[in-house]
Structure formats: C-alpha cells, structure tokens
Amino acid sequence: SSAAKGESVADTAKTVSCYADIIAMRHPKEGAPYVASQVATVPV
C-alpha cells in the first residue's frame, strides 16, 4: 500500500472512501482504525 511511501492512515481512509461503501482495517498501531473512522465517509 502507499503506507510504504509514508501515506497517513487518515489519507488512506479518505482515499479508499471514494472507492468503497465500507472499510475493514487491521493495523499494528493501537487507535489507527479509530483515526480512520474520524475522516472516512463510509463505515469503518
């Protein structure tokens, strides 16, 4: 993913919201899905 290039979780979530109706996220950092849910325009 573009995380390898340094993209933030928030930017990934905003981007993927343009392609999908719902997101399932697994992340090694505590709180990352919460951050995604604050900016995504679809359920996380």
PDB file of all heavy atoms in Angstrom:
ATOM      1  N   SER A   1       0.842  -1.194   0.000  1.00  0.00           N
ATOM      2  CA  SER A   1       0.000   0.000   0.000  1.00  0.00           C
ATOM      3  C   SER A   1       0.873   1.238   0.000  1.00  0.00           C
ATOM      4  O   SER A   1       2.096   1.166   0.157  1.00  0.00           O
ATOM      5  CB  SER A   1      -0.895   0.015   1.249  1.00  0.00           C
ATOM      6  OG  SER A   1      -0.135   0.406   2.391  1.00  0.00           O
ATOM      7  N   SER A   2       0.253   2.404  -0.130  1.00  0.00           N
ATOM      8  CA  SER A   2       1.025   3.650  -0.122  1.00  0.00           C
ATOM      9  C   SER A   2       1.554   4.004   1.260  1.00  0.00           C
ATOM     10  O   SER A   2       2.292   4.985   1.410  1.00  0.00           O
ATOM     11  CB  SER A   2       0.162   4.797  -0.672  1.00  0.00           C
ATOM     12  OG  SER A   2       0.011   4.664  -2.073  1.00  0.00           O
ATOM     13  N   ALA A   3       1.201   3.213   2.263  1.00  0.00           N
ATOM     14  CA  ALA A   3       1.816   3.396   3.583  1.00  0.00           C
ATOM     15  C   ALA A   3       3.328   3.217   3.477  1.00  0.00           C
ATOM     16  O   ALA A   3       4.095   3.839   4.211  1.00  0.00           O
ATOM     17  CB  ALA A   3       1.233   2.396   4.582  1.00  0.00           C
ATOM     18  N   ALA A   4       3.746   2.369   2.533  1.00  0.00           N
ATOM     19  CA  ALA A   4       5.183   2.152   2.320  1.00  0.00           C
ATOM     20  C   ALA A   4       5.871   3.423   1.834  1.00  0.00           C
ATOM     21  O   ALA A   4       7.085   3.583   1.970  1.00  0.00           O
ATOM     22  CB  ALA A   4       5.402   1.020   1.319  1.00  0.00           C
ATOM     23  N   LYS A   5       5.086   4.346   1.255  1.00  0.00           N
ATOM     24  CA  LYS A   5       5.635   5.629   0.788  1.00  0.00           C
ATOM     25  C   LYS A   5       5.469   6.721   1.849  1.00  0.00           C
ATOM     26  O   LYS A   5       5.855   7.863   1.616  1.00  0.00           O
ATOM     27  CB  LYS A   5       4.912   6.066  -0.486  1.00  0.00           C
ATOM     28  CG  LYS A   5       4.953   5.064  -1.624  1.00  0.00           C
ATOM     29  CD  LYS A   5       4.071   5.549  -2.773  1.00  0.00           C
ATOM     30  CE  LYS A   5       3.940   4.497  -3.860  1.00  0.00           C
ATOM     31  NZ  LYS A   5       2.981   4.901  -4.906  1.00  0.00           N
ATOM     32  N   GLY A   6       4.830   6.379   2.962  1.00  0.00           N
ATOM     33  CA  GLY A   6       4.649   7.350   4.036  1.00  0.00           C
ATOM     34  C   GLY A   6       3.263   7.956   4.131  1.00  0.00           C
ATOM     35  O   GLY A   6       3.056   8.892   4.899  1.00  0.00           O
ATOM     36  N   GLU A   7       2.310   7.439   3.362  1.00  0.00           N
ATOM     37  CA  GLU A   7       0.953   7.998   3.435  1.00  0.00           C
ATOM     38  C   GLU A   7       0.342   7.738   4.807  1.00  0.00           C
ATOM     39  O   GLU A   7       0.508   6.670   5.394  1.00  0.00           O
ATOM     40  CB  GLU A   7       0.059   7.376   2.349  1.00  0.00           C
ATOM     41  CG  GLU A   7      -1.349   7.976   2.339  1.00  0.00           C
ATOM     42  CD  GLU A   7      -2.207   7.467   1.191  1.00  0.00           C
ATOM     43  OE1 GLU A   7      -2.394   6.234   1.097  1.00  0.00           O
ATOM     44  OE2 GLU A   7      -2.667   8.287   0.393  1.00  0.00           O
ATOM     45  N   SER A   8      -0.381   8.704   5.342  1.00  0.00           N
ATOM     46  CA  SER A   8      -1.004   8.574   6.655  1.00  0.00           C
ATOM     47  C   SER A   8      -2.239   7.682   6.581  1.00  0.00           C
ATOM     48  O   SER A   8      -2.844   7.511   5.517  1.00  0.00           O
ATOM     49  CB  SER A   8      -1.414   9.946   7.188  1.00  0.00           C
ATOM     50  OG  SER A   8      -2.494  10.468   6.427  1.00  0.00           O
ATOM     51  N   VAL A   9      -2.612   7.131   7.745  1.00  0.00           N
ATOM     52  CA  VAL A   9      -3.829   6.328   7.834  1.00  0.00           C
ATOM     53  C   VAL A   9      -5.040   7.165   7.433  1.00  0.00           C
ATOM     54  O   VAL A   9      -5.941   6.696   6.729  1.00  0.00           O
ATOM     55  CB  VAL A   9      -3.999   5.785   9.274  1.00  0.00           C
ATOM     56  CG1 VAL A   9      -5.418   5.269   9.514  1.00  0.00           C
ATOM     57  CG2 VAL A   9      -2.989   4.669   9.542  1.00  0.00           C
ATOM     58  N   ALA A  10      -5.067   8.429   7.875  1.00  0.00           N
ATOM     59  CA  ALA A  10      -6.199   9.305   7.563  1.00  0.00           C
ATOM     60  C   ALA A  10      -6.344   9.503   6.059  1.00  0.00           C
ATOM     61  O   ALA A  10      -7.459   9.411   5.510  1.00  0.00           O
ATOM     62  CB  ALA A  10      -6.035  10.650   8.264  1.00  0.00           C
ATOM     63  N   ASP A  11      -5.239   9.752   5.372  1.00  0.00           N
ATOM     64  CA  ASP A  11      -5.306   9.958   3.923  1.00  0.00           C
ATOM     65  C   ASP A  11      -5.720   8.678   3.196  1.00  0.00           C
ATOM     66  O   ASP A  11      -6.470   8.718   2.219  1.00  0.00           O
ATOM     67  CB  ASP A  11      -3.967  10.460   3.384  1.00  0.00           C
ATOM     68  CG  ASP A  11      -3.768  11.954   3.642  1.00  0.00           C
ATOM     69  OD1 ASP A  11      -4.653  12.564   4.288  1.00  0.00           O
ATOM     70  OD2 ASP A  11      -2.745  12.498   3.197  1.00  0.00           O
ATOM     71  N   THR A  12      -5.217   7.538   3.678  1.00  0.00           N
ATOM     72  CA  THR A  12      -5.623   6.262   3.075  1.00  0.00           C
ATOM     73  C   THR A  12      -7.126   6.075   3.223  1.00  0.00           C
ATOM     74  O   THR A  12      -7.815   5.691   2.272  1.00  0.00           O
ATOM     75  CB  THR A  12      -4.880   5.085   3.735  1.00  0.00           C
ATOM     76  OG1 THR A  12      -3.475   5.239   3.541  1.00  0.00           O
ATOM     77  CG2 THR A  12      -5.321   3.759   3.139  1.00  0.00           C
ATOM     78  N   ALA A  13      -7.651   6.362   4.416  1.00  0.00           N
ATOM     79  CA  ALA A  13      -9.088   6.178   4.669  1.00  0.00           C
ATOM     80  C   ALA A  13      -9.930   7.106   3.800  1.00  0.00           C
ATOM     81  O   ALA A  13     -10.951   6.691   3.241  1.00  0.00           O
ATOM     82  CB  ALA A  13      -9.387   6.422   6.144  1.00  0.00           C
ATOM     83  N   LYS A  14      -9.496   8.360   3.674  1.00  0.00           N
ATOM     84  CA  LYS A  14     -10.240   9.307   2.829  1.00  0.00           C
ATOM     85  C   LYS A  14     -10.235   8.841   1.375  1.00  0.00           C
ATOM     86  O   LYS A  14     -11.246   8.925   0.675  1.00  0.00           O
ATOM     87  CB  LYS A  14      -9.603  10.701   2.909  1.00  0.00           C
ATOM     88  CG  LYS A  14      -9.846  11.436   4.210  1.00  0.00           C
ATOM     89  CD  LYS A  14      -9.143  12.793   4.140  1.00  0.00           C
ATOM     90  CE  LYS A  14      -9.176  13.506   5.473  1.00  0.00           C
ATOM     91  NZ  LYS A  14      -8.393  14.759   5.437  1.00  0.00           N
ATOM     92  N   THR A  15      -9.089   8.358   0.920  1.00  0.00           N
ATOM     93  CA  THR A  15      -8.968   7.906  -0.466  1.00  0.00           C
ATOM     94  C   THR A  15      -9.850   6.698  -0.731  1.00  0.00           C
ATOM     95  O   THR A  15     -10.616   6.654  -1.705  1.00  0.00           O
ATOM     96  CB  THR A  15      -7.494   7.549  -0.778  1.00  0.00           C
ATOM     97  OG1 THR A  15      -6.683   8.705  -0.567  1.00  0.00           O
ATOM     98  CG2 THR A  15      -7.342   7.064  -2.199  1.00  0.00           C
ATOM     99  N   VAL A  16      -9.750   5.705   0.148  1.00  0.00           N
ATOM    100  CA  VAL A  16     -10.489   4.459  -0.070  1.00  0.00           C
ATOM    101  C   VAL A  16     -11.998   4.684   0.058  1.00  0.00           C
ATOM    102  O   VAL A  16     -12.785   3.976  -0.571  1.00  0.00           O
ATOM    103  CB  VAL A  16      -9.981   3.364   0.886  1.00  0.00           C
ATOM    104  CG1 VAL A  16     -10.817   2.098   0.768  1.00  0.00           C
ATOM    105  CG2 VAL A  16      -8.511   3.047   0.583  1.00  0.00           C
ATOM    106  N   SER A  17     -12.406   5.697   0.824  1.00  0.00           N
ATOM    107  CA  SER A  17     -13.835   6.036   0.916  1.00  0.00           C
ATOM    108  C   SER A  17     -14.424   6.382  -0.449  1.00  0.00           C
ATOM    109  O   SER A  17     -15.629   6.275  -0.665  1.00  0.00           O
ATOM    110  CB  SER A  17     -14.046   7.229   1.856  1.00  0.00           C
ATOM    111  OG  SER A  17     -13.722   6.914   3.184  1.00  0.00           O
ATOM    112  N   CYS A  18     -13.562   6.815  -1.380  1.00  0.00           N
ATOM    113  CA  CYS A  18     -14.028   7.153  -2.734  1.00  0.00           C
ATOM    114  C   CYS A  18     -14.323   5.907  -3.566  1.00  0.00           C
ATOM    115  O   CYS A  18     -15.010   5.987  -4.587  1.00  0.00           O
ATOM    116  CB  CYS A  18     -12.973   7.994  -3.464  1.00  0.00           C
ATOM    117  SG  CYS A  18     -12.584   9.565  -2.669  1.00  0.00           S
ATOM    118  N   TYR A  19     -13.783   4.739  -3.125  1.00  0.00           N
ATOM    119  CA  TYR A  19     -13.908   3.526  -3.926  1.00  0.00           C
ATOM    120  C   TYR A  19     -14.858   2.494  -3.324  1.00  0.00           C
ATOM    121  O   TYR A  19     -15.290   1.577  -4.031  1.00  0.00           O
ATOM    122  CB  TYR A  19     -12.540   2.830  -4.070  1.00  0.00           C
ATOM    123  CG  TYR A  19     -11.407   3.694  -4.528  1.00  0.00           C
ATOM    124  CD1 TYR A  19     -10.136   3.568  -3.953  1.00  0.00           C
ATOM    125  CD2 TYR A  19     -11.572   4.637  -5.547  1.00  0.00           C
ATOM    126  CE1 TYR A  19      -9.072   4.353  -4.370  1.00  0.00           C
ATOM    127  CE2 TYR A  19     -10.512   5.423  -5.969  1.00  0.00           C
ATOM    128  CZ  TYR A  19      -9.271   5.274  -5.378  1.00  0.00           C
ATOM    129  OH  TYR A  19      -8.218   6.049  -5.785  1.00  0.00           O
ATOM    130  N   ALA A  20     -15.095   2.596  -2.016  1.00  0.00           N
ATOM    131  CA  ALA A  20     -15.802   1.518  -1.317  1.00  0.00           C
ATOM    132  C   ALA A  20     -16.971   2.057  -0.498  1.00  0.00           C
ATOM    133  O   ALA A  20     -17.029   3.249  -0.178  1.00  0.00           O
ATOM    134  CB  ALA A  20     -14.827   0.778  -0.407  1.00  0.00           C
ATOM    135  N   ASP A  21     -17.874   1.162  -0.133  1.00  0.00           N
ATOM    136  CA  ASP A  21     -19.041   1.514   0.681  1.00  0.00           C
ATOM    137  C   ASP A  21     -18.800   1.253   2.164  1.00  0.00           C
ATOM    138  O   ASP A  21     -19.529   1.761   3.018  1.00  0.00           O
ATOM    139  CB  ASP A  21     -20.254   0.702   0.223  1.00  0.00           C
ATOM    140  CG  ASP A  21     -20.584   0.960  -1.236  1.00  0.00           C
ATOM    141  OD1 ASP A  21     -21.096   2.054  -1.533  1.00  0.00           O
ATOM    142  OD2 ASP A  21     -20.305   0.080  -2.078  1.00  0.00           O
ATOM    143  N   ILE A  22     -17.778   0.453   2.469  1.00  0.00           N
ATOM    144  CA  ILE A  22     -17.464   0.109   3.857  1.00  0.00           C
ATOM    145  C   ILE A  22     -16.016  -0.370   3.905  1.00  0.00           C
ATOM    146  O   ILE A  22     -15.508  -0.931   2.923  1.00  0.00           O
ATOM    147  CB  ILE A  22     -18.447  -0.967   4.386  1.00  0.00           C
ATOM    148  CG1 ILE A  22     -18.259  -1.221   5.882  1.00  0.00           C
ATOM    149  CG2 ILE A  22     -18.376  -2.260   3.566  1.00  0.00           C
ATOM    150  CD1 ILE A  22     -19.417  -2.010   6.515  1.00  0.00           C
ATOM    151  N   ILE A  23     -15.332  -0.116   5.020  1.00  0.00           N
ATOM    152  CA  ILE A  23     -13.912  -0.439   5.161  1.00  0.00           C
ATOM    153  C   ILE A  23     -13.713  -1.347   6.374  1.00  0.00           C
ATOM    154  O   ILE A  23     -14.271  -1.086   7.446  1.00  0.00           O
ATOM    155  CB  ILE A  23     -13.071   0.848   5.354  1.00  0.00           C
ATOM    156  CG1 ILE A  23     -13.085   1.703   4.084  1.00  0.00           C
ATOM    157  CG2 ILE A  23     -11.639   0.515   5.765  1.00  0.00           C
ATOM    158  CD1 ILE A  23     -12.493   3.097   4.277  1.00  0.00           C
ATOM    159  N   ALA A  24     -12.900  -2.403   6.201  1.00  0.00           N
ATOM    160  CA  ALA A  24     -12.416  -3.199   7.333  1.00  0.00           C
ATOM    161  C   ALA A  24     -10.910  -2.981   7.412  1.00  0.00           C
ATOM    162  O   ALA A  24     -10.200  -3.214   6.433  1.00  0.00           O
ATOM    163  CB  ALA A  24     -12.733  -4.677   7.134  1.00  0.00           C
ATOM    164  N   MET A  25     -10.420  -2.514   8.568  1.00  0.00           N
ATOM    165  CA  MET A  25      -8.997  -2.172   8.700  1.00  0.00           C
ATOM    166  C   MET A  25      -8.343  -2.931   9.843  1.00  0.00           C
ATOM    167  O   MET A  25      -8.851  -2.947  10.961  1.00  0.00           O
ATOM    168  CB  MET A  25      -8.826  -0.667   8.954  1.00  0.00           C
ATOM    169  CG  MET A  25      -7.372  -0.280   9.221  1.00  0.00           C
ATOM    170  SD  MET A  25      -7.134   1.462   9.633  1.00  0.00           S
ATOM    171  CE  MET A  25      -7.316   2.204   8.020  1.00  0.00           C
ATOM    172  N   ARG A  26      -7.197  -3.543   9.536  1.00  0.00           N
ATOM    173  CA  ARG A  26      -6.323  -4.094  10.571  1.00  0.00           C
ATOM    174  C   ARG A  26      -5.018  -3.325  10.531  1.00  0.00           C
ATOM    175  O   ARG A  26      -4.482  -3.060   9.453  1.00  0.00           O
ATOM    176  CB  ARG A  26      -6.050  -5.580  10.350  1.00  0.00           C
ATOM    177  CG  ARG A  26      -4.925  -6.098  11.245  1.00  0.00           C
ATOM    178  CD  ARG A  26      -4.837  -7.584  11.276  1.00  0.00           C
ATOM    179  NE  ARG A  26      -5.937  -8.152  12.026  1.00  0.00           N
ATOM    180  CZ  ARG A  26      -6.010  -9.430  12.382  1.00  0.00           C
ATOM    181  NH1 ARG A  26      -5.063 -10.273  12.055  1.00  0.00           N
ATOM    182  NH2 ARG A  26      -7.038  -9.878  13.070  1.00  0.00           N
ATOM    183  N   HIS A  27      -4.526  -2.981  11.724  1.00  0.00           N
ATOM    184  CA  HIS A  27      -3.321  -2.153  11.783  1.00  0.00           C
ATOM    185  C   HIS A  27      -2.514  -2.509  13.032  1.00  0.00           C
ATOM    186  O   HIS A  27      -3.101  -2.787  14.079  1.00  0.00           O
ATOM    187  CB  HIS A  27      -3.711  -0.665  11.834  1.00  0.00           C
ATOM    188  CG  HIS A  27      -2.630   0.252  11.356  1.00  0.00           C
ATOM    189  ND1 HIS A  27      -1.528   0.551  12.132  1.00  0.00           N
ATOM    190  CD2 HIS A  27      -2.468   0.933  10.191  1.00  0.00           C
ATOM    191  CE1 HIS A  27      -0.739   1.389  11.466  1.00  0.00           C
ATOM    192  NE2 HIS A  27      -1.276   1.631  10.290  1.00  0.00           N
ATOM    193  N   PRO A  28      -1.175  -2.497  12.958  1.00  0.00           N
ATOM    194  CA  PRO A  28      -0.378  -2.837  14.143  1.00  0.00           C
ATOM    195  C   PRO A  28      -0.390  -1.756  15.224  1.00  0.00           C
ATOM    196  O   PRO A  28      -0.021  -2.025  16.368  1.00  0.00           O
ATOM    197  CB  PRO A  28       1.038  -3.024  13.579  1.00  0.00           C
ATOM    198  CG  PRO A  28       1.057  -2.236  12.312  1.00  0.00           C
ATOM    199  CD  PRO A  28      -0.335  -2.309  11.757  1.00  0.00           C
ATOM    200  N   LYS A  29      -0.807  -0.534  14.875  1.00  0.00           N
ATOM    201  CA  LYS A  29      -0.802   0.557  15.862  1.00  0.00           C
ATOM    202  C   LYS A  29      -2.182   0.722  16.490  1.00  0.00           C
ATOM    203  O   LYS A  29      -3.187   0.867  15.796  1.00  0.00           O
ATOM    204  CB  LYS A  29      -0.385   1.873  15.208  1.00  0.00           C
ATOM    205  CG  LYS A  29       1.086   1.911  14.835  1.00  0.00           C
ATOM    206  CD  LYS A  29       1.505   3.267  14.330  1.00  0.00           C
ATOM    207  CE  LYS A  29       2.995   3.284  13.985  1.00  0.00           C
ATOM    208  NZ  LYS A  29       3.394   4.558  13.350  1.00  0.00           N
ATOM    209  N   GLU A  30      -2.206   0.727  17.823  1.00  0.00           N
ATOM    210  CA  GLU A  30      -3.453   0.955  18.546  1.00  0.00           C
ATOM    211  C   GLU A  30      -4.053   2.288  18.142  1.00  0.00           C
ATOM    212  O   GLU A  30      -3.357   3.306  18.074  1.00  0.00           O
ATOM    213  CB  GLU A  30      -3.207   0.957  20.065  1.00  0.00           C
ATOM    214  CG  GLU A  30      -2.959  -0.408  20.674  1.00  0.00           C
ATOM    215  CD  GLU A  30      -1.517  -0.864  20.613  1.00  0.00           C
ATOM    216  OE1 GLU A  30      -0.711  -0.176  19.944  1.00  0.00           O
ATOM    217  OE2 GLU A  30      -1.185  -1.904  21.203  1.00  0.00           O
ATOM    218  N   GLY A  31      -5.347   2.290  17.858  1.00  0.00           N
ATOM    219  CA  GLY A  31      -6.046   3.530  17.547  1.00  0.00           C
ATOM    220  C   GLY A  31      -6.110   3.890  16.080  1.00  0.00           C
ATOM    221  O   GLY A  31      -6.834   4.816  15.704  1.00  0.00           O
ATOM    222  N   ALA A  32      -5.378   3.165  15.219  1.00  0.00           N
ATOM    223  CA  ALA A  32      -5.379   3.517  13.790  1.00  0.00           C
ATOM    224  C   ALA A  32      -6.778   3.411  13.164  1.00  0.00           C
ATOM    225  O   ALA A  32      -7.196   4.327  12.440  1.00  0.00           O
ATOM    226  CB  ALA A  32      -4.374   2.656  13.031  1.00  0.00           C
ATOM    227  N   PRO A  33      -7.553   2.342  13.425  1.00  0.00           N
ATOM    228  CA  PRO A  33      -8.910   2.296  12.851  1.00  0.00           C
ATOM    229  C   PRO A  33      -9.810   3.428  13.359  1.00  0.00           C
ATOM    230  O   PRO A  33     -10.658   3.932  12.621  1.00  0.00           O
ATOM    231  CB  PRO A  33      -9.444   0.926  13.289  1.00  0.00           C
ATOM    232  CG  PRO A  33      -8.208   0.102  13.495  1.00  0.00           C
ATOM    233  CD  PRO A  33      -7.210   1.064  14.068  1.00  0.00           C
ATOM    234  N   TYR A  34      -9.593   3.847  14.618  1.00  0.00           N
ATOM    235  CA  TYR A  34     -10.365   4.976  15.148  1.00  0.00           C
ATOM    236  C   TYR A  34     -10.052   6.243  14.359  1.00  0.00           C
ATOM    237  O   TYR A  34     -10.954   6.998  13.977  1.00  0.00           O
ATOM    238  CB  TYR A  34     -10.060   5.187  16.629  1.00  0.00           C
ATOM    239  CG  TYR A  34     -10.679   6.451  17.179  1.00  0.00           C
ATOM    240  CD1 TYR A  34     -12.039   6.522  17.456  1.00  0.00           C
ATOM    241  CD2 TYR A  34      -9.906   7.599  17.386  1.00  0.00           C
ATOM    242  CE1 TYR A  34     -12.617   7.688  17.938  1.00  0.00           C
ATOM    243  CE2 TYR A  34     -10.467   8.764  17.858  1.00  0.00           C
ATOM    244  CZ  TYR A  34     -11.824   8.801  18.137  1.00  0.00           C
ATOM    245  OH  TYR A  34     -12.383   9.966  18.590  1.00  0.00           O
ATOM    246  N   VAL A  35      -8.769   6.485  14.100  1.00  0.00           N
ATOM    247  CA  VAL A  35      -8.363   7.654  13.301  1.00  0.00           C
ATOM    248  C   VAL A  35      -9.029   7.592  11.929  1.00  0.00           C
ATOM    249  O   VAL A  35      -9.582   8.588  11.438  1.00  0.00           O
ATOM    250  CB  VAL A  35      -6.822   7.706  13.158  1.00  0.00           C
ATOM    251  CG1 VAL A  35      -6.403   8.755  12.130  1.00  0.00           C
ATOM    252  CG2 VAL A  35      -6.172   7.998  14.506  1.00  0.00           C
ATOM    253  N   ALA A  36      -9.015   6.412  11.320  1.00  0.00           N
ATOM    254  CA  ALA A  36      -9.640   6.244  10.004  1.00  0.00           C
ATOM    255  C   ALA A  36     -11.128   6.559  10.059  1.00  0.00           C
ATOM    256  O   ALA A  36     -11.679   7.216   9.167  1.00  0.00           O
ATOM    257  CB  ALA A  36      -9.406   4.823   9.491  1.00  0.00           C
ATOM    258  N   SER A  37     -11.789   6.118  11.134  1.00  0.00           N
ATOM    259  CA  SER A  37     -13.245   6.320  11.243  1.00  0.00           C
ATOM    260  C   SER A  37     -13.619   7.788  11.391  1.00  0.00           C
ATOM    261  O   SER A  37     -14.745   8.176  11.065  1.00  0.00           O
ATOM    262  CB  SER A  37     -13.796   5.526  12.433  1.00  0.00           C
ATOM    263  OG  SER A  37     -13.444   6.132  13.670  1.00  0.00           O
ATOM    264  N   GLN A  38     -12.679   8.596  11.888  1.00  0.00           N
ATOM    265  CA  GLN A  38     -12.960  10.018  12.085  1.00  0.00           C
ATOM    266  C   GLN A  38     -12.961  10.807  10.780  1.00  0.00           C
ATOM    267  O   GLN A  38     -13.532  11.901  10.704  1.00  0.00           O
ATOM    268  CB  GLN A  38     -11.937  10.629  13.054  1.00  0.00           C
ATOM    269  CG  GLN A  38     -11.996  10.053  14.458  1.00  0.00           C
ATOM    270  CD  GLN A  38     -13.372  10.199  15.081  1.00  0.00           C
ATOM    271  OE1 GLN A  38     -13.824  11.295  15.390  1.00  0.00           O
ATOM    272  NE2 GLN A  38     -14.059   9.084  15.263  1.00  0.00           N
ATOM    273  N   VAL A  39     -12.315  10.265   9.750  1.00  0.00           N
ATOM    274  CA  VAL A  39     -12.213  11.011   8.491  1.00  0.00           C
ATOM    275  C   VAL A  39     -12.881  10.303   7.302  1.00  0.00           C
ATOM    276  O   VAL A  39     -13.184  10.939   6.295  1.00  0.00           O
ATOM    277  CB  VAL A  39     -10.735  11.295   8.135  1.00  0.00           C
ATOM    278  CG1 VAL A  39     -10.085  12.162   9.203  1.00  0.00           C
ATOM    279  CG2 VAL A  39      -9.939  10.008   7.932  1.00  0.00           C
ATOM    280  N   ALA A  40     -13.124   9.006   7.411  1.00  0.00           N
ATOM    281  CA  ALA A  40     -13.735   8.255   6.307  1.00  0.00           C
ATOM    282  C   ALA A  40     -15.183   8.710   6.127  1.00  0.00           C
ATOM    283  O   ALA A  40     -15.846   9.107   7.084  1.00  0.00           O
ATOM    284  CB  ALA A  40     -13.685   6.756   6.591  1.00  0.00           C
ATOM    285  N   THR A  41     -15.662   8.627   4.916  1.00  0.00           N
ATOM    286  CA  THR A  41     -17.059   8.979   4.627  1.00  0.00           C
ATOM    287  C   THR A  41     -17.923   7.728   4.494  1.00  0.00           C
ATOM    288  O   THR A  41     -19.078   7.813   4.089  1.00  0.00           O
ATOM    289  CB  THR A  41     -17.145   9.816   3.334  1.00  0.00           C
ATOM    290  OG1 THR A  41     -16.509   9.098   2.267  1.00  0.00           O
ATOM    291  CG2 THR A  41     -16.451  11.162   3.526  1.00  0.00           C
ATOM    292  N   VAL A  42     -17.349   6.570   4.859  1.00  0.00           N
ATOM    293  CA  VAL A  42     -18.088   5.307   4.889  1.00  0.00           C
ATOM    294  C   VAL A  42     -17.800   4.634   6.241  1.00  0.00           C
ATOM    295  O   VAL A  42     -16.844   5.008   6.925  1.00  0.00           O
ATOM    296  CB  VAL A  42     -17.664   4.378   3.723  1.00  0.00           C
ATOM    297  CG1 VAL A  42     -17.941   5.048   2.381  1.00  0.00           C
ATOM    298  CG2 VAL A  42     -16.196   3.969   3.834  1.00  0.00           C
ATOM    299  N   PRO A  43     -18.607   3.655   6.648  1.00  0.00           N
ATOM    300  CA  PRO A  43     -18.346   2.975   7.926  1.00  0.00           C
ATOM    301  C   PRO A  43     -16.990   2.279   7.938  1.00  0.00           C
ATOM    302  O   PRO A  43     -16.551   1.733   6.922  1.00  0.00           O
ATOM    303  CB  PRO A  43     -19.486   1.952   8.018  1.00  0.00           C
ATOM    304  CG  PRO A  43     -20.557   2.452   7.107  1.00  0.00           C
ATOM    305  CD  PRO A  43     -19.846   3.165   6.006  1.00  0.00           C
ATOM    306  N   VAL A  44     -16.332   2.307   9.098  1.00  0.00           N
ATOM    307  CA  VAL A  44     -15.046   1.630   9.285  1.00  0.00           C
ATOM    308  C   VAL A  44     -15.208   0.563  10.364  1.00  0.00           C
ATOM    309  O   VAL A  44     -15.779   0.820  11.433  1.00  0.00           O
ATOM    310  CB  VAL A  44     -13.938   2.623   9.702  1.00  0.00           C
ATOM    311  CG1 VAL A  44     -12.633   1.887  10.029  1.00  0.00           C
ATOM    312  CG2 VAL A  44     -13.700   3.652   8.599  1.00  0.00           C
TER     313      VAL A  44
END
